[in-house]
Amino acid sequence: QATAHIKDEPSEARAGARLRKMGSPVTDDRCASLVAEAGSYFDRVISALG
């Protein structure tokens, strides 16, 4: 599970960079907080599984 999450991170980073180019600063902030929230969620899931 942890390996799959690590493998997915580069594509998430690329998608985030693409959104940042398109979006306004407000969208950037919202996207960054969503990404951070998703990251902490996956950390909790991985911890629970491990």
PDB file of N, CA and C in Angstrom:
ATOM      1  N   GLN A   1       0.829  -1.201   0.000  1.00  0.00           N
ATOM      2  CA  GLN A   1       0.000   0.000   0.000  1.00  0.00           C
ATOM      3  C   GLN A   1       0.870   1.262   0.000  1.00  0.00           C
ATOM      4  N   ALA A   2       1.876   1.264   0.870  1.00  0.00           N
ATOM      5  CA  ALA A   2       2.741   2.445   0.945  1.00  0.00           C
ATOM      6  C   ALA A   2       3.468   2.669  -0.379  1.00  0.00           C
ATOM      7  N   THR A   3       3.912   1.584  -1.013  1.00  0.00           N
ATOM      8  CA  THR A   3       4.623   1.737  -2.283  1.00  0.00           C
ATOM      9  C   THR A   3       3.710   2.315  -3.347  1.00  0.00           C
ATOM     10  N   ALA A   4       2.467   1.854  -3.389  1.00  0.00           N
ATOM     11  CA  ALA A   4       1.519   2.373  -4.375  1.00  0.00           C
ATOM     12  C   ALA A   4       1.313   3.867  -4.172  1.00  0.00           C
ATOM     13  N   HIS A   5       1.211   4.292  -2.899  1.00  0.00           N
ATOM     14  CA  HIS A   5       1.012   5.717  -2.623  1.00  0.00           C
ATOM     15  C   HIS A   5       2.218   6.529  -3.090  1.00  0.00           C
ATOM     16  N   ILE A   6       3.417   6.039  -2.801  1.00  0.00           N
ATOM     17  CA  ILE A   6       4.630   6.745  -3.216  1.00  0.00           C
ATOM     18  C   ILE A   6       4.698   6.814  -4.744  1.00  0.00           C
ATOM     19  N   LYS A   7       4.302   5.730  -5.403  1.00  0.00           N
ATOM     20  CA  LYS A   7       4.329   5.691  -6.864  1.00  0.00           C
ATOM     21  C   LYS A   7       3.362   6.722  -7.451  1.00  0.00           C
ATOM     22  N   ASP A   8       2.225   6.958  -6.789  1.00  0.00           N
ATOM     23  CA  ASP A   8       1.227   7.890  -7.311  1.00  0.00           C
ATOM     24  C   ASP A   8       1.612   9.356  -7.124  1.00  0.00           C
ATOM     25  N   GLU A   9       2.520   9.654  -6.195  1.00  0.00           N
ATOM     26  CA  GLU A   9       2.797  11.048  -5.867  1.00  0.00           C
ATOM     27  C   GLU A   9       3.307  11.889  -7.041  1.00  0.00           C
ATOM     28  N   PRO A  10       4.223  11.402  -7.884  1.00  0.00           N
ATOM     29  CA  PRO A  10       4.674  12.254  -8.993  1.00  0.00           C
ATOM     30  C   PRO A  10       3.541  12.688  -9.917  1.00  0.00           C
ATOM     31  N   SER A  11       2.589  11.800 -10.204  1.00  0.00           N
ATOM     32  CA  SER A  11       1.494  12.189 -11.084  1.00  0.00           C
ATOM     33  C   SER A  11       0.601  13.215 -10.394  1.00  0.00           C
ATOM     34  N   GLU A  12       0.414  13.091  -9.059  1.00  0.00           N
ATOM     35  CA  GLU A  12      -0.330  14.107  -8.322  1.00  0.00           C
ATOM     36  C   GLU A  12       0.380  15.449  -8.402  1.00  0.00           C
ATOM     37  N   ALA A  13       1.695  15.431  -8.287  1.00  0.00           N
ATOM     38  CA  ALA A  13       2.461  16.674  -8.356  1.00  0.00           C
ATOM     39  C   ALA A  13       2.329  17.311  -9.736  1.00  0.00           C
ATOM     40  N   ARG A  14       2.386  16.502 -10.791  1.00  0.00           N
ATOM     41  CA  ARG A  14       2.222  17.034 -12.146  1.00  0.00           C
ATOM     42  C   ARG A  14       0.836  17.630 -12.330  1.00  0.00           C
ATOM     43  N   ALA A  15      -0.194  16.949 -11.859  1.00  0.00           N
ATOM     44  CA  ALA A  15      -1.556  17.471 -11.982  1.00  0.00           C
ATOM     45  C   ALA A  15      -1.685  18.786 -11.224  1.00  0.00           C
ATOM     46  N   GLY A  16      -1.076  18.863 -10.032  1.00  0.00           N
ATOM     47  CA  GLY A  16      -1.120  20.094  -9.257  1.00  0.00           C
ATOM     48  C   GLY A  16      -0.433  21.238  -9.982  1.00  0.00           C
ATOM     49  N   ALA A  17       0.709  20.961 -10.604  1.00  0.00           N
ATOM     50  CA  ALA A  17       1.428  22.003 -11.335  1.00  0.00           C
ATOM     51  C   ALA A  17       0.592  22.493 -12.514  1.00  0.00           C
ATOM     52  N   ARG A  18      -0.084  21.585 -13.197  1.00  0.00           N
ATOM     53  CA  ARG A  18      -0.929  21.961 -14.323  1.00  0.00           C
ATOM     54  C   ARG A  18      -2.079  22.844 -13.843  1.00  0.00           C
ATOM     55  N   LEU A  19      -2.706  22.475 -12.727  1.00  0.00           N
ATOM     56  CA  LEU A  19      -3.797  23.281 -12.192  1.00  0.00           C
ATOM     57  C   LEU A  19      -3.305  24.661 -11.767  1.00  0.00           C
ATOM     58  N   ARG A  20      -2.103  24.724 -11.183  1.00  0.00           N
ATOM     59  CA  ARG A  20      -1.576  26.017 -10.741  1.00  0.00           C
ATOM     60  C   ARG A  20      -1.342  26.943 -11.928  1.00  0.00           C
ATOM     61  N   LYS A  21      -0.893  26.400 -13.049  1.00  0.00           N
ATOM     62  CA  LYS A  21      -0.686  27.234 -14.230  1.00  0.00           C
ATOM     63  C   LYS A  21      -2.012  27.814 -14.724  1.00  0.00           C
ATOM     64  N   MET A  22      -3.066  27.010 -14.674  1.00  0.00           N
ATOM     65  CA  MET A  22      -4.361  27.443 -15.188  1.00  0.00           C
ATOM     66  C   MET A  22      -5.091  28.367 -14.214  1.00  0.00           C
ATOM     67  N   GLY A  23      -4.907  28.140 -12.909  1.00  0.00           N
ATOM     68  CA  GLY A  23      -5.792  28.724 -11.917  1.00  0.00           C
ATOM     69  C   GLY A  23      -5.372  30.089 -11.422  1.00  0.00           C
ATOM     70  N   SER A  24      -6.271  30.696 -10.665  1.00  0.00           N
ATOM     71  CA  SER A  24      -6.004  31.949  -9.975  1.00  0.00           C
ATOM     72  C   SER A  24      -5.375  31.658  -8.615  1.00  0.00           C
ATOM     73  N   PRO A  25      -4.841  32.681  -7.925  1.00  0.00           N
ATOM     74  CA  PRO A  25      -4.279  32.436  -6.585  1.00  0.00           C
ATOM     75  C   PRO A  25      -5.272  31.789  -5.625  1.00  0.00           C
ATOM     76  N   VAL A  26      -6.545  32.173  -5.711  1.00  0.00           N
ATOM     77  CA  VAL A  26      -7.552  31.574  -4.830  1.00  0.00           C
ATOM     78  C   VAL A  26      -7.657  30.082  -5.116  1.00  0.00           C
ATOM     79  N   THR A  27      -7.680  29.712  -6.397  1.00  0.00           N
ATOM     80  CA  THR A  27      -7.741  28.298  -6.765  1.00  0.00           C
ATOM     81  C   THR A  27      -6.492  27.576  -6.281  1.00  0.00           C
ATOM     82  N   ASP A  28      -5.326  28.231  -6.387  1.00  0.00           N
ATOM     83  CA  ASP A  28      -4.085  27.620  -5.905  1.00  0.00           C
ATOM     84  C   ASP A  28      -4.198  27.263  -4.428  1.00  0.00           C
ATOM     85  N   ASP A  29      -4.675  28.211  -3.619  1.00  0.00           N
ATOM     86  CA  ASP A  29      -4.777  27.970  -2.180  1.00  0.00           C
ATOM     87  C   ASP A  29      -5.725  26.819  -1.901  1.00  0.00           C
ATOM     88  N   ARG A  30      -6.863  26.805  -2.571  1.00  0.00           N
ATOM     89  CA  ARG A  30      -7.839  25.740  -2.353  1.00  0.00           C
ATOM     90  C   ARG A  30      -7.245  24.397  -2.762  1.00  0.00           C
ATOM     91  N   CYS A  31      -6.551  24.376  -3.895  1.00  0.00           N
ATOM     92  CA  CYS A  31      -5.943  23.136  -4.379  1.00  0.00           C
ATOM     93  C   CYS A  31      -4.876  22.656  -3.405  1.00  0.00           C
ATOM     94  N   ALA A  32      -4.042  23.570  -2.924  1.00  0.00           N
ATOM     95  CA  ALA A  32      -2.979  23.195  -1.993  1.00  0.00           C
ATOM     96  C   ALA A  32      -3.558  22.612  -0.717  1.00  0.00           C
ATOM     97  N   SER A  33      -4.645  23.215  -0.209  1.00  0.00           N
ATOM     98  CA  SER A  33      -5.227  22.690   1.030  1.00  0.00           C
ATOM     99  C   SER A  33      -5.876  21.336   0.782  1.00  0.00           C
ATOM    100  N   LEU A  34      -6.481  21.153  -0.394  1.00  0.00           N
ATOM    101  CA  LEU A  34      -7.059  19.840  -0.722  1.00  0.00           C
ATOM    102  C   LEU A  34      -5.972  18.780  -0.818  1.00  0.00           C
ATOM    103  N   VAL A  35      -4.864  19.116  -1.463  1.00  0.00           N
ATOM    104  CA  VAL A  35      -3.758  18.164  -1.590  1.00  0.00           C
ATOM    105  C   VAL A  35      -3.203  17.812  -0.217  1.00  0.00           C
ATOM    106  N   ALA A  36      -3.048  18.819   0.650  1.00  0.00           N
ATOM    107  CA  ALA A  36      -2.547  18.562   2.001  1.00  0.00           C
ATOM    108  C   ALA A  36      -3.515  17.677   2.771  1.00  0.00           C
ATOM    109  N   GLU A  37      -4.813  17.948   2.625  1.00  0.00           N
ATOM    110  CA  GLU A  37      -5.817  17.147   3.318  1.00  0.00           C
ATOM    111  C   GLU A  37      -5.785  15.707   2.816  1.00  0.00           C
ATOM    112  N   ALA A  38      -5.689  15.534   1.503  1.00  0.00           N
ATOM    113  CA  ALA A  38      -5.616  14.182   0.942  1.00  0.00           C
ATOM    114  C   ALA A  38      -4.350  13.473   1.417  1.00  0.00           C
ATOM    115  N   GLY A  39      -3.241  14.202   1.492  1.00  0.00           N
ATOM    116  CA  GLY A  39      -1.998  13.606   1.962  1.00  0.00           C
ATOM    117  C   GLY A  39      -2.102  13.112   3.390  1.00  0.00           C
ATOM    118  N   SER A  40      -2.699  13.922   4.263  1.00  0.00           N
ATOM    119  CA  SER A  40      -2.831  13.486   5.657  1.00  0.00           C
ATOM    120  C   SER A  40      -3.809  12.322   5.760  1.00  0.00           C
ATOM    121  N   TYR A  41      -4.842  12.324   4.907  1.00  0.00           N
ATOM    122  CA  TYR A  41      -5.782  11.198   4.897  1.00  0.00           C
ATOM    123  C   TYR A  41      -5.061   9.906   4.519  1.00  0.00           C
ATOM    124  N   PHE A  42      -4.253   9.949   3.454  1.00  0.00           N
ATOM    125  CA  PHE A  42      -3.540   8.743   3.034  1.00  0.00           C
ATOM    126  C   PHE A  42      -2.531   8.309   4.092  1.00  0.00           C
ATOM    127  N   ASP A  43      -1.901   9.281   4.759  1.00  0.00           N
ATOM    128  CA  ASP A  43      -0.994   8.923   5.856  1.00  0.00           C
ATOM    129  C   ASP A  43      -1.733   8.147   6.937  1.00  0.00           C
ATOM    130  N   ARG A  44      -2.946   8.601   7.286  1.00  0.00           N
ATOM    131  CA  ARG A  44      -3.733   7.889   8.304  1.00  0.00           C
ATOM    132  C   ARG A  44      -4.106   6.501   7.826  1.00  0.00           C
ATOM    133  N   VAL A  45      -4.511   6.379   6.558  1.00  0.00           N
ATOM    134  CA  VAL A  45      -4.892   5.070   6.021  1.00  0.00           C
ATOM    135  C   VAL A  45      -3.699   4.120   6.056  1.00  0.00           C
ATOM    136  N   ILE A  46      -2.534   4.599   5.597  1.00  0.00           N
ATOM    137  CA  ILE A  46      -1.338   3.753   5.572  1.00  0.00           C
ATOM    138  C   ILE A  46      -0.942   3.355   6.992  1.00  0.00           C
ATOM    139  N   SER A  47      -1.039   4.295   7.938  1.00  0.00           N
ATOM    140  CA  SER A  47      -0.721   3.971   9.331  1.00  0.00           C
ATOM    141  C   SER A  47      -1.667   2.908   9.868  1.00  0.00           C
ATOM    142  N   ALA A  48      -2.949   3.025   9.539  1.00  0.00           N
ATOM    143  CA  ALA A  48      -3.932   2.051  10.020  1.00  0.00           C
ATOM    144  C   ALA A  48      -3.655   0.669   9.427  1.00  0.00           C
ATOM    145  N   LEU A  49      -3.252   0.625   8.160  1.00  0.00           N
ATOM    146  CA  LEU A  49      -2.975  -0.660   7.518  1.00  0.00           C
ATOM    147  C   LEU A  49      -1.676  -1.258   8.043  1.00  0.00           C
ATOM    148  N   GLY A  50      -0.711  -0.399   8.346  1.00  0.00           N
ATOM    149  CA  GLY A  50       0.592  -0.882   8.791  1.00  0.00           C
ATOM    150  C   GLY A  50       0.572  -1.199  10.251  1.00  0.00           C
TER     151      GLY A  50
END
